[in-house]
mmCIF file of all heavy atoms, coordinates in Angstrom:
data_MODEL
# 
_entry.id   MODEL 
# 
loop_
_atom_site.group_PDB 
_atom_site.id 
_atom_site.type_symbol 
_atom_site.label_atom_id 
_atom_site.label_alt_id 
_atom_site.label_comp_id 
_atom_site.label_asym_id 
_atom_site.label_entity_id 
_atom_site.label_seq_id 
_atom_site.pdbx_PDB_ins_code 
_atom_site.Cartn_x 
_atom_site.Cartn_y 
_atom_site.Cartn_z 
_atom_site.occupancy 
_atom_site.B_iso_or_equiv 
_atom_site.pdbx_formal_charge 
_atom_site.auth_seq_id 
_atom_site.auth_comp_id 
_atom_site.auth_asym_id 
_atom_site.auth_atom_id 
_atom_site.pdbx_PDB_model_num 
ATOM 1   N N   . ILE A 1 1  ? 4.713   5.331   -0.506  1.00 0.00 ? 1  ILE A N   1 
ATOM 2   C CA  . ILE A 1 1  ? 5.999   5.904   -0.903  1.00 0.00 ? 1  ILE A CA  1 
ATOM 3   C C   . ILE A 1 1  ? 6.603   4.994   -1.965  1.00 0.00 ? 1  ILE A C   1 
ATOM 4   O O   . ILE A 1 1  ? 6.782   3.794   -1.742  1.00 0.00 ? 1  ILE A O   1 
ATOM 5   C CB  . ILE A 1 1  ? 6.953   6.033   0.297   1.00 0.00 ? 1  ILE A CB  1 
ATOM 6   C CG1 . ILE A 1 1  ? 6.380   7.022   1.316   1.00 0.00 ? 1  ILE A CG1 1 
ATOM 7   C CG2 . ILE A 1 1  ? 8.333   6.483   -0.163  1.00 0.00 ? 1  ILE A CG2 1 
ATOM 8   C CD1 . ILE A 1 1  ? 7.175   7.114   2.607   1.00 0.00 ? 1  ILE A CD1 1 
ATOM 9   N N   . ARG A 1 2  ? 6.905   5.574   -3.100  1.00 0.00 ? 2  ARG A N   1 
ATOM 10  C CA  . ARG A 1 2  ? 7.390   4.807   -4.243  1.00 0.00 ? 2  ARG A CA  1 
ATOM 11  C C   . ARG A 1 2  ? 8.901   4.914   -4.370  1.00 0.00 ? 2  ARG A C   1 
ATOM 12  O O   . ARG A 1 2  ? 9.468   6.001   -4.262  1.00 0.00 ? 2  ARG A O   1 
ATOM 13  C CB  . ARG A 1 2  ? 6.725   5.354   -5.510  1.00 0.00 ? 2  ARG A CB  1 
ATOM 14  C CG  . ARG A 1 2  ? 7.142   4.692   -6.806  1.00 0.00 ? 2  ARG A CG  1 
ATOM 15  C CD  . ARG A 1 2  ? 6.250   5.168   -7.940  1.00 0.00 ? 2  ARG A CD  1 
ATOM 16  N NE  . ARG A 1 2  ? 6.369   6.606   -8.127  1.00 0.00 ? 2  ARG A NE  1 
ATOM 17  C CZ  . ARG A 1 2  ? 7.213   7.194   -8.988  1.00 0.00 ? 2  ARG A CZ  1 
ATOM 18  N NH1 . ARG A 1 2  ? 8.026   6.435   -9.730  1.00 0.00 ? 2  ARG A NH1 1 
ATOM 19  N NH2 . ARG A 1 2  ? 7.246   8.500   -9.116  1.00 0.00 ? 2  ARG A NH2 1 
ATOM 20  N N   . GLU A 1 3  ? 9.539   3.771   -4.565  1.00 0.00 ? 3  GLU A N   1 
ATOM 21  C CA  . GLU A 1 3  ? 10.947  3.747   -4.952  1.00 0.00 ? 3  GLU A CA  1 
ATOM 22  C C   . GLU A 1 3  ? 10.975  3.328   -6.420  1.00 0.00 ? 3  GLU A C   1 
ATOM 23  O O   . GLU A 1 3  ? 10.810  2.148   -6.735  1.00 0.00 ? 3  GLU A O   1 
ATOM 24  C CB  . GLU A 1 3  ? 11.737  2.772   -4.084  1.00 0.00 ? 3  GLU A CB  1 
ATOM 25  C CG  . GLU A 1 3  ? 11.908  3.230   -2.652  1.00 0.00 ? 3  GLU A CG  1 
ATOM 26  C CD  . GLU A 1 3  ? 12.948  2.416   -1.885  1.00 0.00 ? 3  GLU A CD  1 
ATOM 27  O OE1 . GLU A 1 3  ? 13.619  1.574   -2.528  1.00 0.00 ? 3  GLU A OE1 1 
ATOM 28  O OE2 . GLU A 1 3  ? 13.085  2.621   -0.667  1.00 0.00 ? 3  GLU A OE2 1 
ATOM 29  N N   . PRO A 1 4  ? 11.134  4.281   -7.340  1.00 0.00 ? 4  PRO A N   1 
ATOM 30  C CA  . PRO A 1 4  ? 10.994  3.979   -8.766  1.00 0.00 ? 4  PRO A CA  1 
ATOM 31  C C   . PRO A 1 4  ? 11.831  2.789   -9.211  1.00 0.00 ? 4  PRO A C   1 
ATOM 32  O O   . PRO A 1 4  ? 13.041  2.736   -9.004  1.00 0.00 ? 4  PRO A O   1 
ATOM 33  C CB  . PRO A 1 4  ? 11.475  5.279   -9.438  1.00 0.00 ? 4  PRO A CB  1 
ATOM 34  C CG  . PRO A 1 4  ? 11.184  6.346   -8.417  1.00 0.00 ? 4  PRO A CG  1 
ATOM 35  C CD  . PRO A 1 4  ? 11.463  5.692   -7.098  1.00 0.00 ? 4  PRO A CD  1 
ATOM 36  N N   . GLY A 1 5  ? 11.146  1.801   -9.773  1.00 0.00 ? 5  GLY A N   1 
ATOM 37  C CA  . GLY A 1 5  ? 11.830  0.604   -10.243 1.00 0.00 ? 5  GLY A CA  1 
ATOM 38  C C   . GLY A 1 5  ? 12.139  -0.401  -9.155  1.00 0.00 ? 5  GLY A C   1 
ATOM 39  O O   . GLY A 1 5  ? 12.581  -1.516  -9.450  1.00 0.00 ? 5  GLY A O   1 
ATOM 40  N N   . GLY A 1 6  ? 11.887  -0.026  -7.901  1.00 0.00 ? 6  GLY A N   1 
ATOM 41  C CA  . GLY A 1 6  ? 12.226  -0.910  -6.787  1.00 0.00 ? 6  GLY A CA  1 
ATOM 42  C C   . GLY A 1 6  ? 11.032  -1.453  -6.039  1.00 0.00 ? 6  GLY A C   1 
ATOM 43  O O   . GLY A 1 6  ? 11.061  -2.570  -5.523  1.00 0.00 ? 6  GLY A O   1 
ATOM 44  N N   . GLY A 1 7  ? 9.967   -0.682  -5.948  1.00 0.00 ? 7  GLY A N   1 
ATOM 45  C CA  . GLY A 1 7  ? 8.791   -1.103  -5.216  1.00 0.00 ? 7  GLY A CA  1 
ATOM 46  C C   . GLY A 1 7  ? 8.157   0.046   -4.471  1.00 0.00 ? 7  GLY A C   1 
ATOM 47  O O   . GLY A 1 7  ? 8.430   1.215   -4.750  1.00 0.00 ? 7  GLY A O   1 
ATOM 48  N N   . PHE A 1 8  ? 7.306   -0.292  -3.501  1.00 0.00 ? 8  PHE A N   1 
ATOM 49  C CA  . PHE A 1 8  ? 6.620   0.747   -2.735  1.00 0.00 ? 8  PHE A CA  1 
ATOM 50  C C   . PHE A 1 8  ? 6.506   0.362   -1.272  1.00 0.00 ? 8  PHE A C   1 
ATOM 51  O O   . PHE A 1 8  ? 6.497   -0.818  -0.908  1.00 0.00 ? 8  PHE A O   1 
ATOM 52  C CB  . PHE A 1 8  ? 5.234   1.041   -3.320  1.00 0.00 ? 8  PHE A CB  1 
ATOM 53  C CG  . PHE A 1 8  ? 4.231   -0.095  -3.194  1.00 0.00 ? 8  PHE A CG  1 
ATOM 54  C CD1 . PHE A 1 8  ? 3.378   -0.186  -2.100  1.00 0.00 ? 8  PHE A CD1 1 
ATOM 55  C CD2 . PHE A 1 8  ? 4.138   -1.068  -4.185  1.00 0.00 ? 8  PHE A CD2 1 
ATOM 56  C CE1 . PHE A 1 8  ? 2.458   -1.224  -1.983  1.00 0.00 ? 8  PHE A CE1 1 
ATOM 57  C CE2 . PHE A 1 8  ? 3.224   -2.110  -4.082  1.00 0.00 ? 8  PHE A CE2 1 
ATOM 58  C CZ  . PHE A 1 8  ? 2.379   -2.185  -2.979  1.00 0.00 ? 8  PHE A CZ  1 
ATOM 59  N N   . HIS A 1 9  ? 6.448   1.392   -0.437  1.00 0.00 ? 9  HIS A N   1 
ATOM 60  C CA  . HIS A 1 9  ? 6.190   1.243   0.994   1.00 0.00 ? 9  HIS A CA  1 
ATOM 61  C C   . HIS A 1 9  ? 4.746   1.656   1.246   1.00 0.00 ? 9  HIS A C   1 
ATOM 62  O O   . HIS A 1 9  ? 4.271   2.655   0.703   1.00 0.00 ? 9  HIS A O   1 
ATOM 63  C CB  . HIS A 1 9  ? 7.125   2.131   1.799   1.00 0.00 ? 9  HIS A CB  1 
ATOM 64  C CG  . HIS A 1 9  ? 8.581   1.930   1.514   1.00 0.00 ? 9  HIS A CG  1 
ATOM 65  N ND1 . HIS A 1 9  ? 9.312   0.906   2.059   1.00 0.00 ? 9  HIS A ND1 1 
ATOM 66  C CD2 . HIS A 1 9  ? 9.446   2.637   0.729   1.00 0.00 ? 9  HIS A CD2 1 
ATOM 67  C CE1 . HIS A 1 9  ? 10.569  0.986   1.634   1.00 0.00 ? 9  HIS A CE1 1 
ATOM 68  N NE2 . HIS A 1 9  ? 10.673  2.030   0.823   1.00 0.00 ? 9  HIS A NE2 1 
ATOM 69  N N   . LEU A 1 10 ? 4.035   0.895   2.084   1.00 0.00 ? 10 LEU A N   1 
ATOM 70  C CA  . LEU A 1 10 ? 2.634   1.164   2.400   1.00 0.00 ? 10 LEU A CA  1 
ATOM 71  C C   . LEU A 1 10 ? 2.494   1.491   3.876   1.00 0.00 ? 10 LEU A C   1 
ATOM 72  O O   . LEU A 1 10 ? 2.947   0.727   4.732   1.00 0.00 ? 10 LEU A O   1 
ATOM 73  C CB  . LEU A 1 10 ? 1.785   -0.061  2.058   1.00 0.00 ? 10 LEU A CB  1 
ATOM 74  C CG  . LEU A 1 10 ? 0.285   0.050   2.344   1.00 0.00 ? 10 LEU A CG  1 
ATOM 75  C CD1 . LEU A 1 10 ? -0.367  1.110   1.466   1.00 0.00 ? 10 LEU A CD1 1 
ATOM 76  C CD2 . LEU A 1 10 ? -0.391  -1.313  2.150   1.00 0.00 ? 10 LEU A CD2 1 
ATOM 77  N N   . ILE A 1 11 ? 1.874   2.641   4.164   1.00 0.00 ? 11 ILE A N   1 
ATOM 78  C CA  . ILE A 1 11 ? 1.660   3.084   5.544   1.00 0.00 ? 11 ILE A CA  1 
ATOM 79  C C   . ILE A 1 11 ? 0.161   3.171   5.771   1.00 0.00 ? 11 ILE A C   1 
ATOM 80  O O   . ILE A 1 11 ? -0.533  3.974   5.138   1.00 0.00 ? 11 ILE A O   1 
ATOM 81  C CB  . ILE A 1 11 ? 2.334   4.445   5.790   1.00 0.00 ? 11 ILE A CB  1 
ATOM 82  C CG1 . ILE A 1 11 ? 3.808   4.394   5.374   1.00 0.00 ? 11 ILE A CG1 1 
ATOM 83  C CG2 . ILE A 1 11 ? 2.218   4.843   7.263   1.00 0.00 ? 11 ILE A CG2 1 
ATOM 84  C CD1 . ILE A 1 11 ? 4.480   5.754   5.347   1.00 0.00 ? 11 ILE A CD1 1 
ATOM 85  N N   . CYS A 1 12 ? -0.349  2.338   6.672   1.00 0.00 ? 12 CYS A N   1 
ATOM 86  C CA  . CYS A 1 12 ? -1.790  2.211   6.875   1.00 0.00 ? 12 CYS A CA  1 
ATOM 87  C C   . CYS A 1 12 ? -2.231  2.850   8.190   1.00 0.00 ? 12 CYS A C   1 
ATOM 88  O O   . CYS A 1 12 ? -1.478  2.881   9.164   1.00 0.00 ? 12 CYS A O   1 
ATOM 89  C CB  . CYS A 1 12 ? -2.195  0.738   6.901   1.00 0.00 ? 12 CYS A CB  1 
ATOM 90  S SG  . CYS A 1 12 ? -1.738  -0.179  5.421   1.00 0.00 ? 12 CYS A SG  1 
ATOM 91  N N   . GLY A 1 13 ? -3.470  3.312   8.211   1.00 0.00 ? 13 GLY A N   1 
ATOM 92  C CA  . GLY A 1 13 ? -4.062  3.834   9.432   1.00 0.00 ? 13 GLY A CA  1 
ATOM 93  C C   . GLY A 1 13 ? -4.787  2.725   10.174  1.00 0.00 ? 13 GLY A C   1 
ATOM 94  O O   . GLY A 1 13 ? -4.336  2.236   11.207  1.00 0.00 ? 13 GLY A O   1 
ATOM 95  N N   . CYS A 1 14 ? -5.944  2.311   9.632   1.00 0.00 ? 14 CYS A N   1 
ATOM 96  C CA  . CYS A 1 14 ? -6.699  1.188   10.207  1.00 0.00 ? 14 CYS A CA  1 
ATOM 97  C C   . CYS A 1 14 ? -7.003  0.120   9.170   1.00 0.00 ? 14 CYS A C   1 
ATOM 98  O O   . CYS A 1 14 ? -7.472  -0.948  9.512   1.00 0.00 ? 14 CYS A O   1 
ATOM 99  C CB  . CYS A 1 14 ? -8.015  1.677   10.805  1.00 0.00 ? 14 CYS A CB  1 
ATOM 100 S SG  . CYS A 1 14 ? -8.109  1.599   12.604  1.00 0.00 ? 14 CYS A SG  1 
ATOM 101 N N   . CYS A 1 15 ? -6.797  0.426   7.904   1.00 0.00 ? 15 CYS A N   1 
ATOM 102 C CA  . CYS A 1 15 ? -7.000  -0.562  6.849   1.00 0.00 ? 15 CYS A CA  1 
ATOM 103 C C   . CYS A 1 15 ? -8.427  -1.108  6.839   1.00 0.00 ? 15 CYS A C   1 
ATOM 104 O O   . CYS A 1 15 ? -8.637  -2.309  6.623   1.00 0.00 ? 15 CYS A O   1 
ATOM 105 C CB  . CYS A 1 15 ? -5.992  -1.698  6.995   1.00 0.00 ? 15 CYS A CB  1 
ATOM 106 S SG  . CYS A 1 15 ? -5.174  -2.121  5.447   1.00 0.00 ? 15 CYS A SG  1 
ATOM 107 N N   . HIS A 1 16 ? -9.416  -0.238  7.058   1.00 0.00 ? 16 HIS A N   1 
ATOM 108 C CA  . HIS A 1 16 ? -10.811 -0.685  7.008   1.00 0.00 ? 16 HIS A CA  1 
ATOM 109 C C   . HIS A 1 16 ? -11.204 -1.139  5.609   1.00 0.00 ? 16 HIS A C   1 
ATOM 110 O O   . HIS A 1 16 ? -12.212 -1.830  5.443   1.00 0.00 ? 16 HIS A O   1 
ATOM 111 C CB  . HIS A 1 16 ? -11.739 0.431   7.484   1.00 0.00 ? 16 HIS A CB  1 
ATOM 112 C CG  . HIS A 1 16 ? -11.718 0.655   8.958   1.00 0.00 ? 16 HIS A CG  1 
ATOM 113 N ND1 . HIS A 1 16 ? -12.131 -0.305  9.867   1.00 0.00 ? 16 HIS A ND1 1 
ATOM 114 C CD2 . HIS A 1 16 ? -11.349 1.727   9.695   1.00 0.00 ? 16 HIS A CD2 1 
ATOM 115 C CE1 . HIS A 1 16 ? -12.014 0.163   11.090  1.00 0.00 ? 16 HIS A CE1 1 
ATOM 116 N NE2 . HIS A 1 16 ? -11.538 1.387   11.024  1.00 0.00 ? 16 HIS A NE2 1 
ATOM 117 N N   . SER A 1 17 ? -10.440 -0.764  4.598   1.00 0.00 ? 17 SER A N   1 
ATOM 118 C CA  . SER A 1 17 ? -10.696 -1.247  3.235   1.00 0.00 ? 17 SER A CA  1 
ATOM 119 C C   . SER A 1 17 ? -10.244 -2.694  3.066   1.00 0.00 ? 17 SER A C   1 
ATOM 120 O O   . SER A 1 17 ? -10.589 -3.342  2.075   1.00 0.00 ? 17 SER A O   1 
ATOM 121 C CB  . SER A 1 17 ? -9.949  -0.375  2.221   1.00 0.00 ? 17 SER A CB  1 
ATOM 122 O OG  . SER A 1 17 ? -10.346 0.965   2.295   1.00 0.00 ? 17 SER A OG  1 
ATOM 123 N N   . GLY A 1 18 ? -9.456  -3.191  4.009   1.00 0.00 ? 18 GLY A N   1 
ATOM 124 C CA  . GLY A 1 18 ? -8.844  -4.502  3.883   1.00 0.00 ? 18 GLY A CA  1 
ATOM 125 C C   . GLY A 1 18 ? -7.427  -4.368  3.354   1.00 0.00 ? 18 GLY A C   1 
ATOM 126 O O   . GLY A 1 18 ? -7.170  -3.580  2.438   1.00 0.00 ? 18 GLY A O   1 
ATOM 127 N N   . LEU A 1 19 ? -6.502  -5.103  3.929   1.00 0.00 ? 19 LEU A N   1 
ATOM 128 C CA  . LEU A 1 19 ? -5.101  -4.979  3.543   1.00 0.00 ? 19 LEU A CA  1 
ATOM 129 C C   . LEU A 1 19 ? -4.871  -5.357  2.085   1.00 0.00 ? 19 LEU A C   1 
ATOM 130 O O   . LEU A 1 19 ? -4.127  -4.688  1.365   1.00 0.00 ? 19 LEU A O   1 
ATOM 131 C CB  . LEU A 1 19 ? -4.221  -5.849  4.454   1.00 0.00 ? 19 LEU A CB  1 
ATOM 132 C CG  . LEU A 1 19 ? -2.727  -5.871  4.118   1.00 0.00 ? 19 LEU A CG  1 
ATOM 133 C CD1 . LEU A 1 19 ? -2.138  -4.458  4.116   1.00 0.00 ? 19 LEU A CD1 1 
ATOM 134 C CD2 . LEU A 1 19 ? -1.970  -6.764  5.091   1.00 0.00 ? 19 LEU A CD2 1 
ATOM 135 N N   . LEU A 1 20 ? -5.510  -6.423  1.625   1.00 0.00 ? 20 LEU A N   1 
ATOM 136 C CA  . LEU A 1 20 ? -5.293  -6.866  0.246   1.00 0.00 ? 20 LEU A CA  1 
ATOM 137 C C   . LEU A 1 20 ? -5.857  -5.847  -0.746  1.00 0.00 ? 20 LEU A C   1 
ATOM 138 O O   . LEU A 1 20 ? -5.240  -5.566  -1.780  1.00 0.00 ? 20 LEU A O   1 
ATOM 139 C CB  . LEU A 1 20 ? -5.923  -8.238  0.030   1.00 0.00 ? 20 LEU A CB  1 
ATOM 140 C CG  . LEU A 1 20 ? -5.428  -9.339  0.975   1.00 0.00 ? 20 LEU A CG  1 
ATOM 141 C CD1 . LEU A 1 20 ? -6.169  -10.640 0.704   1.00 0.00 ? 20 LEU A CD1 1 
ATOM 142 C CD2 . LEU A 1 20 ? -3.916  -9.535  0.832   1.00 0.00 ? 20 LEU A CD2 1 
ATOM 143 N N   . ASN A 1 21 ? -7.013  -5.294  -0.427  1.00 0.00 ? 21 ASN A N   1 
ATOM 144 C CA  . ASN A 1 21 ? -7.581  -4.246  -1.273  1.00 0.00 ? 21 ASN A CA  1 
ATOM 145 C C   . ASN A 1 21 ? -6.673  -3.023  -1.303  1.00 0.00 ? 21 ASN A C   1 
ATOM 146 O O   . ASN A 1 21 ? -6.475  -2.393  -2.346  1.00 0.00 ? 21 ASN A O   1 
ATOM 147 C CB  . ASN A 1 21 ? -8.963  -3.843  -0.758  1.00 0.00 ? 21 ASN A CB  1 
ATOM 148 C CG  . ASN A 1 21 ? -9.998  -4.937  -0.954  1.00 0.00 ? 21 ASN A CG  1 
ATOM 149 O OD1 . ASN A 1 21 ? -9.961  -5.680  -1.928  1.00 0.00 ? 21 ASN A OD1 1 
ATOM 150 N ND2 . ASN A 1 21 ? -10.921 -5.043  -0.018  1.00 0.00 ? 21 ASN A ND2 1 
ATOM 151 N N   . THR A 1 22 ? -6.114  -2.696  -0.147  1.00 0.00 ? 22 THR A N   1 
ATOM 152 C CA  . THR A 1 22 ? -5.232  -1.527  -0.052  1.00 0.00 ? 22 THR A CA  1 
ATOM 153 C C   . THR A 1 22 ? -3.943  -1.757  -0.827  1.00 0.00 ? 22 THR A C   1 
ATOM 154 O O   . THR A 1 22 ? -3.451  -0.857  -1.522  1.00 0.00 ? 22 THR A O   1 
ATOM 155 C CB  . THR A 1 22 ? -4.930  -1.212  1.422   1.00 0.00 ? 22 THR A CB  1 
ATOM 156 O OG1 . THR A 1 22 ? -6.175  -1.023  2.126   1.00 0.00 ? 22 THR A OG1 1 
ATOM 157 C CG2 . THR A 1 22 ? -4.105  0.056   1.558   1.00 0.00 ? 22 THR A CG2 1 
ATOM 158 N N   . LEU A 1 23 ? -3.379  -2.943  -0.721  1.00 0.00 ? 23 LEU A N   1 
ATOM 159 C CA  . LEU A 1 23 ? -2.169  -3.278  -1.477  1.00 0.00 ? 23 LEU A CA  1 
ATOM 160 C C   . LEU A 1 23 ? -2.423  -3.197  -2.983  1.00 0.00 ? 23 LEU A C   1 
ATOM 161 O O   . LEU A 1 23 ? -1.598  -2.666  -3.743  1.00 0.00 ? 23 LEU A O   1 
ATOM 162 C CB  . LEU A 1 23 ? -1.692  -4.678  -1.114  1.00 0.00 ? 23 LEU A CB  1 
ATOM 163 C CG  . LEU A 1 23 ? -0.892  -4.820  0.178   1.00 0.00 ? 23 LEU A CG  1 
ATOM 164 C CD1 . LEU A 1 23 ? -0.754  -6.291  0.555   1.00 0.00 ? 23 LEU A CD1 1 
ATOM 165 C CD2 . LEU A 1 23 ? 0.482   -4.179  0.042   1.00 0.00 ? 23 LEU A CD2 1 
ATOM 166 N N   . THR A 1 24 ? -3.563  -3.721  -3.413  1.00 0.00 ? 24 THR A N   1 
ATOM 167 C CA  . THR A 1 24 ? -3.908  -3.695  -4.835  1.00 0.00 ? 24 THR A CA  1 
ATOM 168 C C   . THR A 1 24 ? -4.003  -2.266  -5.345  1.00 0.00 ? 24 THR A C   1 
ATOM 169 O O   . THR A 1 24 ? -3.487  -1.927  -6.417  1.00 0.00 ? 24 THR A O   1 
ATOM 170 C CB  . THR A 1 24 ? -5.231  -4.439  -5.070  1.00 0.00 ? 24 THR A CB  1 
ATOM 171 O OG1 . THR A 1 24 ? -5.115  -5.785  -4.597  1.00 0.00 ? 24 THR A OG1 1 
ATOM 172 C CG2 . THR A 1 24 ? -5.603  -4.449  -6.545  1.00 0.00 ? 24 THR A CG2 1 
ATOM 173 N N   . HIS A 1 25 ? -4.650  -1.410  -4.561  1.00 0.00 ? 25 HIS A N   1 
ATOM 174 C CA  . HIS A 1 25 ? -4.781  0.002   -4.935  1.00 0.00 ? 25 HIS A CA  1 
ATOM 175 C C   . HIS A 1 25 ? -3.420  0.690   -4.941  1.00 0.00 ? 25 HIS A C   1 
ATOM 176 O O   . HIS A 1 25 ? -3.096  1.448   -5.868  1.00 0.00 ? 25 HIS A O   1 
ATOM 177 C CB  . HIS A 1 25 ? -5.718  0.708   -3.960  1.00 0.00 ? 25 HIS A CB  1 
ATOM 178 C CG  . HIS A 1 25 ? -6.018  2.114   -4.329  1.00 0.00 ? 25 HIS A CG  1 
ATOM 179 N ND1 . HIS A 1 25 ? -7.240  2.501   -4.850  1.00 0.00 ? 25 HIS A ND1 1 
ATOM 180 C CD2 . HIS A 1 25 ? -5.270  3.250   -4.266  1.00 0.00 ? 25 HIS A CD2 1 
ATOM 181 C CE1 . HIS A 1 25 ? -7.221  3.808   -5.093  1.00 0.00 ? 25 HIS A CE1 1 
ATOM 182 N NE2 . HIS A 1 25 ? -6.038  4.279   -4.734  1.00 0.00 ? 25 HIS A NE2 1 
ATOM 183 N N   . ALA A 1 26 ? -2.619  0.433   -3.913  1.00 0.00 ? 26 ALA A N   1 
ATOM 184 C CA  . ALA A 1 26 ? -1.313  1.085   -3.798  1.00 0.00 ? 26 ALA A CA  1 
ATOM 185 C C   . ALA A 1 26 ? -0.391  0.702   -4.951  1.00 0.00 ? 26 ALA A C   1 
ATOM 186 O O   . ALA A 1 26 ? 0.349   1.534   -5.482  1.00 0.00 ? 26 ALA A O   1 
ATOM 187 C CB  . ALA A 1 26 ? -0.662  0.726   -2.469  1.00 0.00 ? 26 ALA A CB  1 
# 
């Protein structure tokens, strides 16, 4: 969920991709 100009919220299921990889993608 994007807050334009403010940042983003990340909602994960199991994060099998890895949290850091998921954050980078998000």
